Amino acid sequence: MHGNNLHMPTLLIKNGFRFFFYISEPKFKTPHIHVERRSSGCIAVFWLEPYVSLQRSRGFNRKEIAIAQMIVLEHKIEFKRKYYELIKPQHKQ
């Protein structure tokens, strides 16, 4: 895991994209990952279950979304494992 921010741990930096979670965000029903390109202010969220799909995006063009989605697909198992390790314990009922 990259980065030192405990509230927004970076899981991966690849092709200029940063893939991360917000630890303290409100509970989501579906595991997801945030993607940003810091220099541009672009951001997107991808669902990880039941399959990788775009939840929302701002500023990315179609090609960038396709590249980010391919990276999410490549790392889906790792991202889901980290999601359940880092996020779900915060929202136990």
C-alpha atoms as a PDB file:
ATOM      1  CA  MET A   1       0.000   0.000   0.000  1.00  0.00           C
ATOM      2  CA  HIS A   2       1.328   3.434  -0.915  1.00  0.00           C
ATOM      3  CA  GLY A   3       0.926   6.770   0.817  1.00  0.00           C
ATOM      4  CA  ASN A   4       0.876   7.851   4.422  1.00  0.00           C
ATOM      5  CA  ASN A   5      -2.626   9.270   4.743  1.00  0.00           C
ATOM      6  CA  LEU A   6      -4.561   6.976   7.079  1.00  0.00           C
ATOM      7  CA  HIS A   7      -7.929   8.432   6.014  1.00  0.00           C
ATOM      8  CA  MET A   8      -7.271   8.066   2.268  1.00  0.00           C
ATOM      9  CA  PRO A   9      -4.841   5.160   1.866  1.00  0.00           C
ATOM     10  CA  THR A  10      -3.396   4.836  -1.614  1.00  0.00           C
ATOM     11  CA  LEU A  11      -3.473   1.256  -2.842  1.00  0.00           C
ATOM     12  CA  LEU A  12      -1.842   1.785  -6.220  1.00  0.00           C
ATOM     13  CA  ILE A  13      -0.334   4.460  -8.439  1.00  0.00           C
ATOM     14  CA  LYS A  14      -0.213   3.428 -12.077  1.00  0.00           C
ATOM     15  CA  ASN A  15      -0.248   5.252 -15.427  1.00  0.00           C
ATOM     16  CA  GLY A  16      -0.708   8.560 -13.613  1.00  0.00           C
ATOM     17  CA  PHE A  17      -3.780   7.353 -11.730  1.00  0.00           C
ATOM     18  CA  ARG A  18      -4.013   7.029  -7.940  1.00  0.00           C
ATOM     19  CA  PHE A  19      -6.339   4.318  -6.615  1.00  0.00           C
ATOM     20  CA  PHE A  20      -7.519   4.839  -3.040  1.00  0.00           C
ATOM     21  CA  PHE A  21     -10.249   4.525  -0.417  1.00  0.00           C
ATOM     22  CA  TYR A  22     -11.775   7.063   1.950  1.00  0.00           C
ATOM     23  CA  ILE A  23     -11.723   5.249   5.289  1.00  0.00           C
ATOM     24  CA  SER A  24     -14.188   7.592   6.997  1.00  0.00           C
ATOM     25  CA  GLU A  25     -16.743   7.989   4.216  1.00  0.00           C
ATOM     26  CA  PRO A  26     -20.358   6.977   4.797  1.00  0.00           C
ATOM     27  CA  LYS A  27     -21.162   3.312   4.432  1.00  0.00           C
ATOM     28  CA  PHE A  28     -21.582   2.133   0.860  1.00  0.00           C
ATOM     29  CA  LYS A  29     -23.541  -1.004   0.113  1.00  0.00           C
ATOM     30  CA  THR A  30     -21.063  -2.061  -2.553  1.00  0.00           C
ATOM     31  CA  PRO A  31     -17.247  -2.252  -2.330  1.00  0.00           C
ATOM     32  CA  HIS A  32     -15.710   0.458  -4.485  1.00  0.00           C
ATOM     33  CA  ILE A  33     -12.447   2.234  -5.288  1.00  0.00           C
ATOM     34  CA  HIS A  34     -11.732   5.906  -5.975  1.00  0.00           C
ATOM     35  CA  VAL A  35      -9.454   6.931  -8.845  1.00  0.00           C
ATOM     36  CA  GLU A  36      -7.900  10.329  -9.377  1.00  0.00           C
ATOM     37  CA  ARG A  37      -5.398  12.081 -11.534  1.00  0.00           C
ATOM     38  CA  ARG A  38      -4.090  14.650  -9.070  1.00  0.00           C
ATOM     39  CA  SER A  39      -2.642  17.126 -11.556  1.00  0.00           C
ATOM     40  CA  SER A  40      -5.973  17.458 -13.367  1.00  0.00           C
ATOM     41  CA  GLY A  41      -8.538  17.218 -10.564  1.00  0.00           C
ATOM     42  CA  CYS A  42     -10.263  14.334 -12.357  1.00  0.00           C
ATOM     43  CA  ILE A  43     -11.949  11.751 -10.142  1.00  0.00           C
ATOM     44  CA  ALA A  44     -13.964   8.567 -10.611  1.00  0.00           C
ATOM     45  CA  VAL A  45     -15.461   5.799  -8.494  1.00  0.00           C
ATOM     46  CA  PHE A  46     -15.697   2.188  -9.638  1.00  0.00           C
ATOM     47  CA  TRP A  47     -17.854  -0.484  -8.046  1.00  0.00           C
ATOM     48  CA  LEU A  48     -15.905  -3.688  -7.380  1.00  0.00           C
ATOM     49  CA  GLU A  49     -18.957  -5.956  -6.986  1.00  0.00           C
ATOM     50  CA  PRO A  50     -20.785  -7.706  -8.448  1.00  0.00           C
ATOM     51  CA  TYR A  51     -18.460  -6.714 -11.318  1.00  0.00           C
ATOM     52  CA  VAL A  52     -16.222  -3.724 -12.041  1.00  0.00           C
ATOM     53  CA  SER A  53     -18.350  -0.848 -13.280  1.00  0.00           C
ATOM     54  CA  LEU A  54     -18.177   2.933 -13.296  1.00  0.00           C
ATOM     55  CA  GLN A  55     -20.285   4.471 -10.542  1.00  0.00           C
ATOM     56  CA  ARG A  56     -19.463   8.116 -11.354  1.00  0.00           C
ATOM     57  CA  SER A  57     -16.733  10.311 -12.824  1.00  0.00           C
ATOM     58  CA  ARG A  58     -15.795  13.938 -13.231  1.00  0.00           C
ATOM     59  CA  GLY A  59     -13.262  15.290 -15.707  1.00  0.00           C
ATOM     60  CA  PHE A  60     -11.968  12.072 -17.262  1.00  0.00           C
ATOM     61  CA  ASN A  61     -12.456  11.458 -20.967  1.00  0.00           C
ATOM     62  CA  ARG A  62     -13.675   8.085 -22.282  1.00  0.00           C
ATOM     63  CA  LYS A  63     -10.159   6.823 -23.013  1.00  0.00           C
ATOM     64  CA  GLU A  64      -8.968   7.649 -19.480  1.00  0.00           C
ATOM     65  CA  ILE A  65     -12.011   5.917 -17.963  1.00  0.00           C
ATOM     66  CA  ALA A  66     -11.313   2.821 -20.079  1.00  0.00           C
ATOM     67  CA  ILE A  67      -7.664   2.757 -18.961  1.00  0.00           C
ATOM     68  CA  ALA A  68      -8.604   3.260 -15.293  1.00  0.00           C
ATOM     69  CA  GLN A  69     -11.254   0.531 -15.535  1.00  0.00           C
ATOM     70  CA  MET A  70      -8.720  -1.908 -17.029  1.00  0.00           C
ATOM     71  CA  ILE A  71      -6.360  -1.208 -14.122  1.00  0.00           C
ATOM     72  CA  VAL A  72      -9.193  -1.757 -11.635  1.00  0.00           C
ATOM     73  CA  LEU A  73      -9.974  -5.069 -13.354  1.00  0.00           C
ATOM     74  CA  GLU A  74      -6.298  -6.104 -13.110  1.00  0.00           C
ATOM     75  CA  HIS A  75      -6.219  -5.340  -9.374  1.00  0.00           C
ATOM     76  CA  LYS A  76      -9.825  -6.169  -8.426  1.00  0.00           C
ATOM     77  CA  ILE A  77      -8.945  -9.016  -6.051  1.00  0.00           C
ATOM     78  CA  GLU A  78      -6.366  -6.911  -4.184  1.00  0.00           C
ATOM     79  CA  PHE A  79      -8.706  -3.893  -4.008  1.00  0.00           C
ATOM     80  CA  LYS A  80     -11.601  -5.997  -2.694  1.00  0.00           C
ATOM     81  CA  ARG A  81      -9.377  -7.633  -0.086  1.00  0.00           C
ATOM     82  CA  LYS A  82      -8.180  -4.227   1.129  1.00  0.00           C
ATOM     83  CA  TYR A  83     -11.724  -2.842   1.075  1.00  0.00           C
ATOM     84  CA  TYR A  84     -12.974  -5.603   3.379  1.00  0.00           C
ATOM     85  CA  GLU A  85      -9.879  -5.281   5.560  1.00  0.00           C
ATOM     86  CA  LEU A  86      -9.940  -1.471   5.896  1.00  0.00           C
ATOM     87  CA  ILE A  87     -13.486  -0.274   5.229  1.00  0.00           C
ATOM     88  CA  LYS A  88     -15.956  -2.910   6.404  1.00  0.00           C
ATOM     89  CA  PRO A  89     -14.632  -3.111   9.998  1.00  0.00           C
ATOM     90  CA  GLN A  90     -15.355   0.625  10.305  1.00  0.00           C
ATOM     91  CA  HIS A  91     -19.053  -0.015   9.607  1.00  0.00           C
ATOM     92  CA  LYS A  92     -19.873  -3.100  11.665  1.00  0.00           C
ATOM     93  CA  GLN A  93     -23.308  -2.888  13.170  1.00  0.00           C
END
